[in-house]
């Protein structure tokens, strides 16, 4: 399934995978359990832990350097209707990765997508935006304005 462009109107898979990966595990699990319809799925790749190398750049523009390693958990599932989903999350929470994969698969189903978009993705994205806004307001409250006097 391709990512959304301005013209084709297809779902933005990168967006929902990002929302699922960045959301706290307890929020993802609560949203999953709040779904009216949760289709059965089978694990194609059972949740497993691994490490990824995290790279960085000084100031966002300098030479890349290895910052360190980070633990991630991945899973892949197939719904009984045939859609396949993947989930990659930071940390070691197997349930979070499995649910992320199941939601990814459900978002690829035309019949399940509207309910999942509203009940899971929109809910998690809204909570993330609220957290980001709160952090931005806290940071703005500490901003100091410097000025110089010119003769």
Protein backbone atom coordinates (compact mmCIF):
# COMPACT_ATOMS: atom_id res chain seq x y z
CA UNK A 1 0.00 0.00 0.00
CA UNK A 2 1.47 3.36 -0.97
CA UNK A 3 1.69 6.47 1.14
CA UNK A 4 -0.75 9.33 0.61
CA UNK A 5 0.12 12.02 -1.89
CA UNK A 6 -1.80 15.22 -2.48
CA UNK A 7 -3.66 13.63 -5.39
CA UNK A 8 -4.41 9.98 -4.68
CA UNK A 9 -6.08 10.25 -1.25
CA UNK A 10 -4.77 6.86 -0.03
CA UNK A 11 -4.12 6.48 3.70
CA UNK A 12 -0.87 7.72 5.09
CA UNK A 13 0.62 4.52 6.49
CA UNK A 14 3.75 6.26 7.74
CA UNK A 15 1.58 8.59 9.83
CA UNK A 16 -0.38 5.86 11.60
CA UNK A 17 2.70 3.66 12.14
CA UNK A 18 4.44 6.67 13.69
CA UNK A 19 1.46 7.40 15.93
CA UNK A 20 1.34 3.76 17.10
CA UNK A 21 5.10 3.61 17.73
CA UNK A 22 5.29 6.91 19.64
CA UNK A 23 2.21 6.42 21.82
CA UNK A 24 2.71 5.06 25.33
CA UNK A 25 1.96 1.34 25.55
CA UNK A 26 -0.87 1.78 28.05
CA UNK A 27 -2.67 4.21 25.69
CA UNK A 28 -2.33 1.82 22.73
CA UNK A 29 -3.61 -1.10 24.81
CA UNK A 30 -6.53 0.95 26.16
CA UNK A 31 -7.50 2.11 22.65
CA UNK A 32 -7.30 -1.49 21.39
CA UNK A 33 -9.47 -2.80 24.20
CA UNK A 34 -11.98 -0.02 23.53
CA UNK A 35 -12.56 -1.21 19.96
CA UNK A 36 -15.99 -2.71 19.35
CA UNK A 37 -14.62 -5.12 16.74
CA UNK A 38 -11.22 -6.78 17.14
CA UNK A 39 -10.66 -9.36 14.41
CA UNK A 40 -8.68 -12.49 15.08
CA UNK A 41 -5.13 -12.53 13.79
CA UNK A 42 -2.20 -14.90 13.65
CA UNK A 43 1.40 -14.00 14.30
CA UNK A 44 3.63 -14.10 11.25
CA UNK A 45 6.53 -12.94 13.39
CA UNK A 46 5.98 -13.25 17.12
CA UNK A 47 7.02 -10.16 19.08
CA UNK A 48 10.77 -10.15 19.54
CA UNK A 49 13.26 -7.76 21.07
CA UNK A 50 16.30 -6.41 19.28
CA UNK A 51 18.64 -3.47 19.10
CA UNK A 52 18.99 -0.66 16.59
CA UNK A 53 21.83 1.79 16.18
CA UNK A 54 20.76 5.38 16.80
CA UNK A 55 22.61 7.99 14.75
CA UNK A 56 22.68 11.72 15.28
CA UNK A 57 24.03 14.97 13.82
CA UNK A 58 25.32 17.98 15.68
CA UNK A 59 22.89 20.81 15.06
CA UNK A 60 21.03 18.66 12.57
CA UNK A 61 23.51 19.50 9.82
CA UNK A 62 26.92 18.24 10.95
CA UNK A 63 28.59 14.93 10.28
CA UNK A 64 26.64 11.88 11.39
CA UNK A 65 27.84 10.04 14.48
CA UNK A 66 26.74 6.92 16.35
CA UNK A 67 24.81 8.01 19.42
CA UNK A 68 24.25 4.52 20.83
CA UNK A 69 21.92 1.56 20.70
CA UNK A 70 18.23 1.38 21.53
CA UNK A 71 16.03 -1.60 22.35
CA UNK A 72 13.08 -2.14 20.01
CA UNK A 73 10.37 -4.77 19.72
CA UNK A 74 8.87 -5.83 16.42
CA UNK A 75 5.94 -8.00 15.40
CA UNK A 76 4.07 -8.95 12.23
CA UNK A 77 0.52 -10.31 12.08
CA UNK A 78 -2.04 -11.35 9.47
CA UNK A 79 -5.75 -10.82 9.96
CA UNK A 80 -8.08 -13.69 9.11
CA UNK A 81 -9.26 -11.52 6.18
CA UNK A 82 -5.71 -11.52 4.77
CA UNK A 83 -4.30 -8.07 5.58
CA UNK A 84 -0.76 -8.06 6.98
CA UNK A 85 0.52 -5.52 9.49
CA UNK A 86 3.81 -4.74 11.19
CA UNK A 87 4.63 -3.01 14.44
CA UNK A 88 7.94 -1.59 15.66
CA UNK A 89 8.05 0.08 19.08
CA UNK A 90 10.75 1.38 21.38
CA UNK A 91 11.43 -0.77 24.41
CA UNK A 92 10.50 -4.34 25.28
CA UNK A 93 6.69 -4.31 25.37
CA UNK A 94 5.57 -7.30 23.30
CA UNK A 95 1.86 -6.48 23.62
CA UNK A 96 2.41 -2.93 22.32
CA UNK A 97 4.21 -4.23 19.20
CA UNK A 98 1.58 -6.91 18.58
CA UNK A 99 -1.31 -4.45 18.87
CA UNK A 100 0.51 -1.93 16.65
CA UNK A 101 0.86 -4.64 14.00
CA UNK A 102 -2.81 -5.63 14.32
CA UNK A 103 -3.95 -2.00 14.04
CA UNK A 104 -1.69 -1.52 10.99
CA UNK A 105 -3.36 -4.51 9.34
CA UNK A 106 -6.83 -3.24 10.26
CA UNK A 107 -6.04 0.18 8.78
CA UNK A 108 -5.34 -1.55 5.47
CA UNK A 109 -8.84 -3.04 5.40
CA UNK A 110 -11.42 -0.79 3.72
CA UNK A 111 -14.18 -2.08 6.01
CA UNK A 112 -12.27 -1.71 9.30
CA UNK A 113 -10.32 1.50 8.57
CA UNK A 114 -12.98 4.12 9.45
CA UNK A 115 -13.67 2.71 12.92
CA UNK A 116 -9.98 2.15 13.70
CA UNK A 117 -9.00 5.61 12.43
CA UNK A 118 -11.50 7.25 14.80
CA UNK A 119 -11.18 4.96 17.83
CA UNK A 120 -7.42 4.37 17.83
CA UNK A 121 -5.33 6.54 15.52
CA UNK A 122 -7.17 9.85 16.00
CA UNK A 123 -7.37 9.26 19.76
CA UNK A 124 -3.64 8.52 20.10
CA UNK A 125 -2.65 11.35 17.75
CA UNK A 126 -4.76 13.83 19.71
CA UNK A 127 -3.10 12.79 22.98
CA UNK A 128 0.34 13.16 21.37
CA UNK A 129 -0.49 16.65 20.10
CA UNK A 130 -1.71 17.66 23.57
CA UNK A 131 1.54 16.41 25.15
CA UNK A 132 3.59 18.26 22.53
CA UNK A 133 1.60 21.47 23.05
CA UNK A 134 2.05 21.25 26.83
CA UNK A 135 5.80 20.75 26.46
CA UNK A 136 6.00 23.70 24.03
CA UNK A 137 4.10 25.96 26.44
CA UNK A 138 6.37 24.95 29.33
CA UNK A 139 9.45 25.67 27.22
CA UNK A 140 8.02 29.02 26.05
CA UNK A 141 7.43 30.04 29.66
CA UNK A 142 11.19 29.83 30.31
CA UNK A 143 12.21 31.85 27.24
CA UNK A 144 14.46 34.81 27.97
CA UNK A 145 14.60 37.77 25.60
CA UNK A 146 18.01 39.39 25.28
CA UNK A 147 18.57 42.73 23.67
CA UNK A 148 21.44 45.11 23.18
CA UNK A 149 21.44 48.86 23.34
CA UNK A 150 23.10 50.63 20.47
CA UNK A 151 24.58 54.13 20.83
